[in-house]
Amino acid sequence: MYVILRGGVNGGAAQTWFIVATIPLIVAGGLHVLLTLVDTVSPRYFAPKDASLGPALERTPIRFGGAAAPRMWRAWLGFNISHGLGVLTFGLLCLLIATHDFTLVERIGALRPLTIAFCATYVVLSLRFWFWGPVVLTSFATGCFVVSTVLSS
């Protein structure tokens, strides 16, 4: 009710949809980081199903980096942690902006298209490289950001 009183019916609804869009990003990004951190101690979530591949990943360096190149398993864990942190941070920053001063979202012309493009890119990546869970979460977030944008216009 406070949101509606503060921003009017459409402004409040746009803010609500914007905030709701951040939730799957925050949850998915945070969970991604957490599960990857578990894998640094006891590989189970992002480890290959074929256990015979584990030793090969642990001893094989990536091609990039020369003599200082990390082993594939360490690079894989680092990538997944940084990937999760990026999604988590994006979601948190959008949430902070929207809850602190939603007029900022409305005043910065590129912010709404950026949120839609960010999530839509993850939909495409999910469809191409991952599985149904990320497709659903990123599609939901994209849709919420689109609804927020339409309501703000």
Protein backbone atom coordinates (compact mmCIF):
# COMPACT_ATOMS: atom_id res chain seq x y z
CA MET A 1 0.00 0.00 0.00
CA TYR A 2 2.86 2.39 0.84
CA VAL A 3 4.30 1.94 -2.68
CA ILE A 4 0.97 2.82 -4.30
CA LEU A 5 0.50 5.89 -2.08
CA ARG A 6 4.02 7.05 -2.78
CA GLY A 7 4.08 6.58 -6.55
CA GLY A 8 0.45 6.49 -7.61
CA VAL A 9 -1.25 3.34 -8.86
CA ASN A 10 0.81 2.92 -12.06
CA GLY A 11 4.06 4.13 -10.48
CA GLY A 12 3.54 1.80 -7.53
CA ALA A 13 2.69 -1.14 -9.76
CA ALA A 14 5.73 -0.45 -11.97
CA GLN A 15 7.94 -0.33 -8.90
CA THR A 16 6.46 -3.56 -7.55
CA TRP A 17 7.02 -5.40 -10.85
CA PHE A 18 10.58 -4.05 -11.02
CA ILE A 19 11.30 -5.25 -7.49
CA VAL A 20 9.72 -8.67 -8.14
CA ALA A 21 11.98 -9.04 -11.21
CA THR A 22 15.07 -8.75 -9.01
CA ILE A 23 14.11 -11.66 -6.74
CA PRO A 24 14.93 -14.56 -9.10
CA LEU A 25 18.23 -12.89 -10.00
CA ILE A 26 19.22 -12.49 -6.37
CA VAL A 27 18.14 -16.01 -5.42
CA ALA A 28 19.67 -17.71 -8.47
CA GLY A 29 22.92 -15.73 -8.29
CA GLY A 30 23.30 -16.32 -4.56
CA LEU A 31 22.51 -20.01 -4.87
CA HIS A 32 24.98 -20.33 -7.74
CA VAL A 33 27.74 -18.82 -5.59
CA LEU A 34 26.84 -20.95 -2.58
CA LEU A 35 26.73 -24.24 -4.48
CA THR A 36 30.02 -23.44 -6.22
CA LEU A 37 31.65 -22.65 -2.88
CA VAL A 38 30.49 -26.06 -1.64
CA ASP A 39 32.16 -27.56 -4.72
CA THR A 40 35.50 -26.00 -3.74
CA VAL A 41 35.49 -28.34 -0.73
CA SER A 42 33.42 -31.29 -1.89
CA PRO A 43 32.62 -31.37 -5.63
CA ARG A 44 29.00 -32.37 -6.22
CA TYR A 45 26.95 -29.65 -7.95
CA PHE A 46 29.05 -28.42 -10.87
CA ALA A 47 31.24 -31.49 -11.07
CA PRO A 48 30.85 -33.80 -14.08
CA LYS A 49 28.54 -36.80 -13.61
CA ASP A 50 31.29 -39.00 -14.98
CA ALA A 51 33.63 -39.14 -11.96
CA SER A 52 36.52 -40.28 -14.16
CA LEU A 53 36.67 -36.77 -15.65
CA GLY A 54 37.45 -35.13 -12.28
CA PRO A 55 41.15 -36.00 -12.16
CA ALA A 56 41.62 -34.86 -15.77
CA LEU A 57 40.01 -31.49 -14.98
CA GLU A 58 42.20 -31.11 -11.89
CA ARG A 59 45.47 -31.74 -13.73
CA THR A 60 44.76 -30.08 -17.11
CA PRO A 61 45.55 -26.37 -17.47
CA ILE A 62 43.49 -24.15 -19.72
CA ARG A 63 45.22 -23.03 -22.92
CA PHE A 64 45.04 -19.33 -22.09
CA GLY A 65 47.58 -18.04 -19.57
CA GLY A 66 50.79 -19.80 -20.53
CA ALA A 67 52.81 -21.26 -17.64
CA ALA A 68 50.58 -19.46 -15.12
CA ALA A 69 47.36 -20.94 -16.53
CA PRO A 70 45.07 -22.39 -13.88
CA ARG A 71 43.90 -25.97 -13.98
CA MET A 72 40.53 -26.46 -15.67
CA TRP A 73 38.72 -27.36 -12.44
CA ARG A 74 39.94 -24.20 -10.66
CA ALA A 75 39.06 -22.06 -13.69
CA TRP A 76 35.61 -23.69 -13.80
CA LEU A 77 34.97 -22.97 -10.11
CA GLY A 78 36.23 -19.40 -10.45
CA PHE A 79 34.04 -18.80 -13.47
CA ASN A 80 30.96 -20.12 -11.69
CA ILE A 81 31.60 -18.04 -8.58
CA SER A 82 32.15 -14.86 -10.61
CA HIS A 83 29.11 -15.65 -12.80
CA GLY A 84 26.89 -16.07 -9.75
CA LEU A 85 28.29 -12.93 -8.13
CA GLY A 86 27.56 -10.93 -11.29
CA VAL A 87 23.92 -11.99 -11.40
CA LEU A 88 23.53 -11.53 -7.64
CA THR A 89 25.10 -8.06 -7.74
CA PHE A 90 22.99 -6.95 -10.71
CA GLY A 91 19.83 -8.07 -8.92
CA LEU A 92 20.85 -6.41 -5.65
CA LEU A 93 21.77 -3.12 -7.33
CA CYS A 94 18.44 -3.03 -9.18
CA LEU A 95 16.62 -3.82 -5.94
CA LEU A 96 18.46 -1.09 -4.03
CA ILE A 97 17.77 1.51 -6.70
CA ALA A 98 14.10 0.55 -6.96
CA THR A 99 13.47 0.53 -3.22
CA HIS A 100 15.50 3.65 -2.46
CA ASP A 101 14.27 5.94 -5.24
CA PHE A 102 12.19 4.43 -8.04
CA THR A 103 12.05 7.79 -9.81
CA LEU A 104 15.72 7.19 -10.56
CA VAL A 105 14.69 4.12 -12.57
CA GLU A 106 12.21 6.28 -14.46
CA ARG A 107 14.64 9.18 -14.99
CA ILE A 108 17.59 7.15 -16.30
CA GLY A 109 16.36 6.25 -19.77
CA ALA A 110 18.78 3.38 -20.34
CA LEU A 111 18.13 1.60 -17.05
CA ARG A 112 14.91 -0.19 -17.96
CA PRO A 113 16.12 -1.38 -21.40
CA LEU A 114 19.36 -2.51 -19.73
CA THR A 115 17.50 -4.66 -17.21
CA ILE A 116 15.42 -6.22 -19.98
CA ALA A 117 18.47 -6.82 -22.19
CA PHE A 118 20.46 -8.32 -19.30
CA CYS A 119 17.73 -10.82 -18.45
CA ALA A 120 16.87 -11.57 -22.09
CA THR A 121 20.53 -12.37 -22.73
CA TYR A 122 20.42 -14.87 -19.89
CA VAL A 123 17.26 -16.40 -21.39
CA VAL A 124 19.14 -16.97 -24.66
CA LEU A 125 22.20 -18.34 -22.84
CA SER A 126 19.96 -20.62 -20.77
CA LEU A 127 18.21 -21.95 -23.86
CA ARG A 128 21.49 -22.57 -25.66
CA PHE A 129 23.81 -23.81 -22.92
CA TRP A 130 22.01 -24.67 -19.69
CA PHE A 131 18.72 -26.27 -18.59
CA TRP A 132 15.07 -25.41 -17.90
CA GLY A 133 15.56 -23.87 -14.41
CA PRO A 134 17.54 -20.83 -15.57
CA VAL A 135 15.21 -20.49 -18.58
CA VAL A 136 12.18 -20.18 -16.28
CA LEU A 137 13.87 -17.81 -13.81
CA THR A 138 15.34 -15.48 -16.41
CA SER A 139 12.16 -15.49 -18.50
CA PHE A 140 10.16 -14.55 -15.40
CA ALA A 141 12.58 -11.72 -14.54
CA THR A 142 12.54 -10.47 -18.13
CA GLY A 143 8.75 -10.47 -18.18
CA CYS A 144 8.54 -8.57 -14.88
CA PHE A 145 11.00 -5.91 -16.11
CA VAL A 146 8.94 -5.57 -19.32
CA VAL A 147 5.70 -5.15 -17.37
CA SER A 148 7.37 -2.56 -15.13
CA THR A 149 8.56 -0.67 -18.19
CA VAL A 150 5.12 -0.69 -19.82
CA LEU A 151 3.50 0.52 -16.60
CA SER A 152 6.10 3.30 -16.24
CA SER A 153 5.48 4.65 -19.75
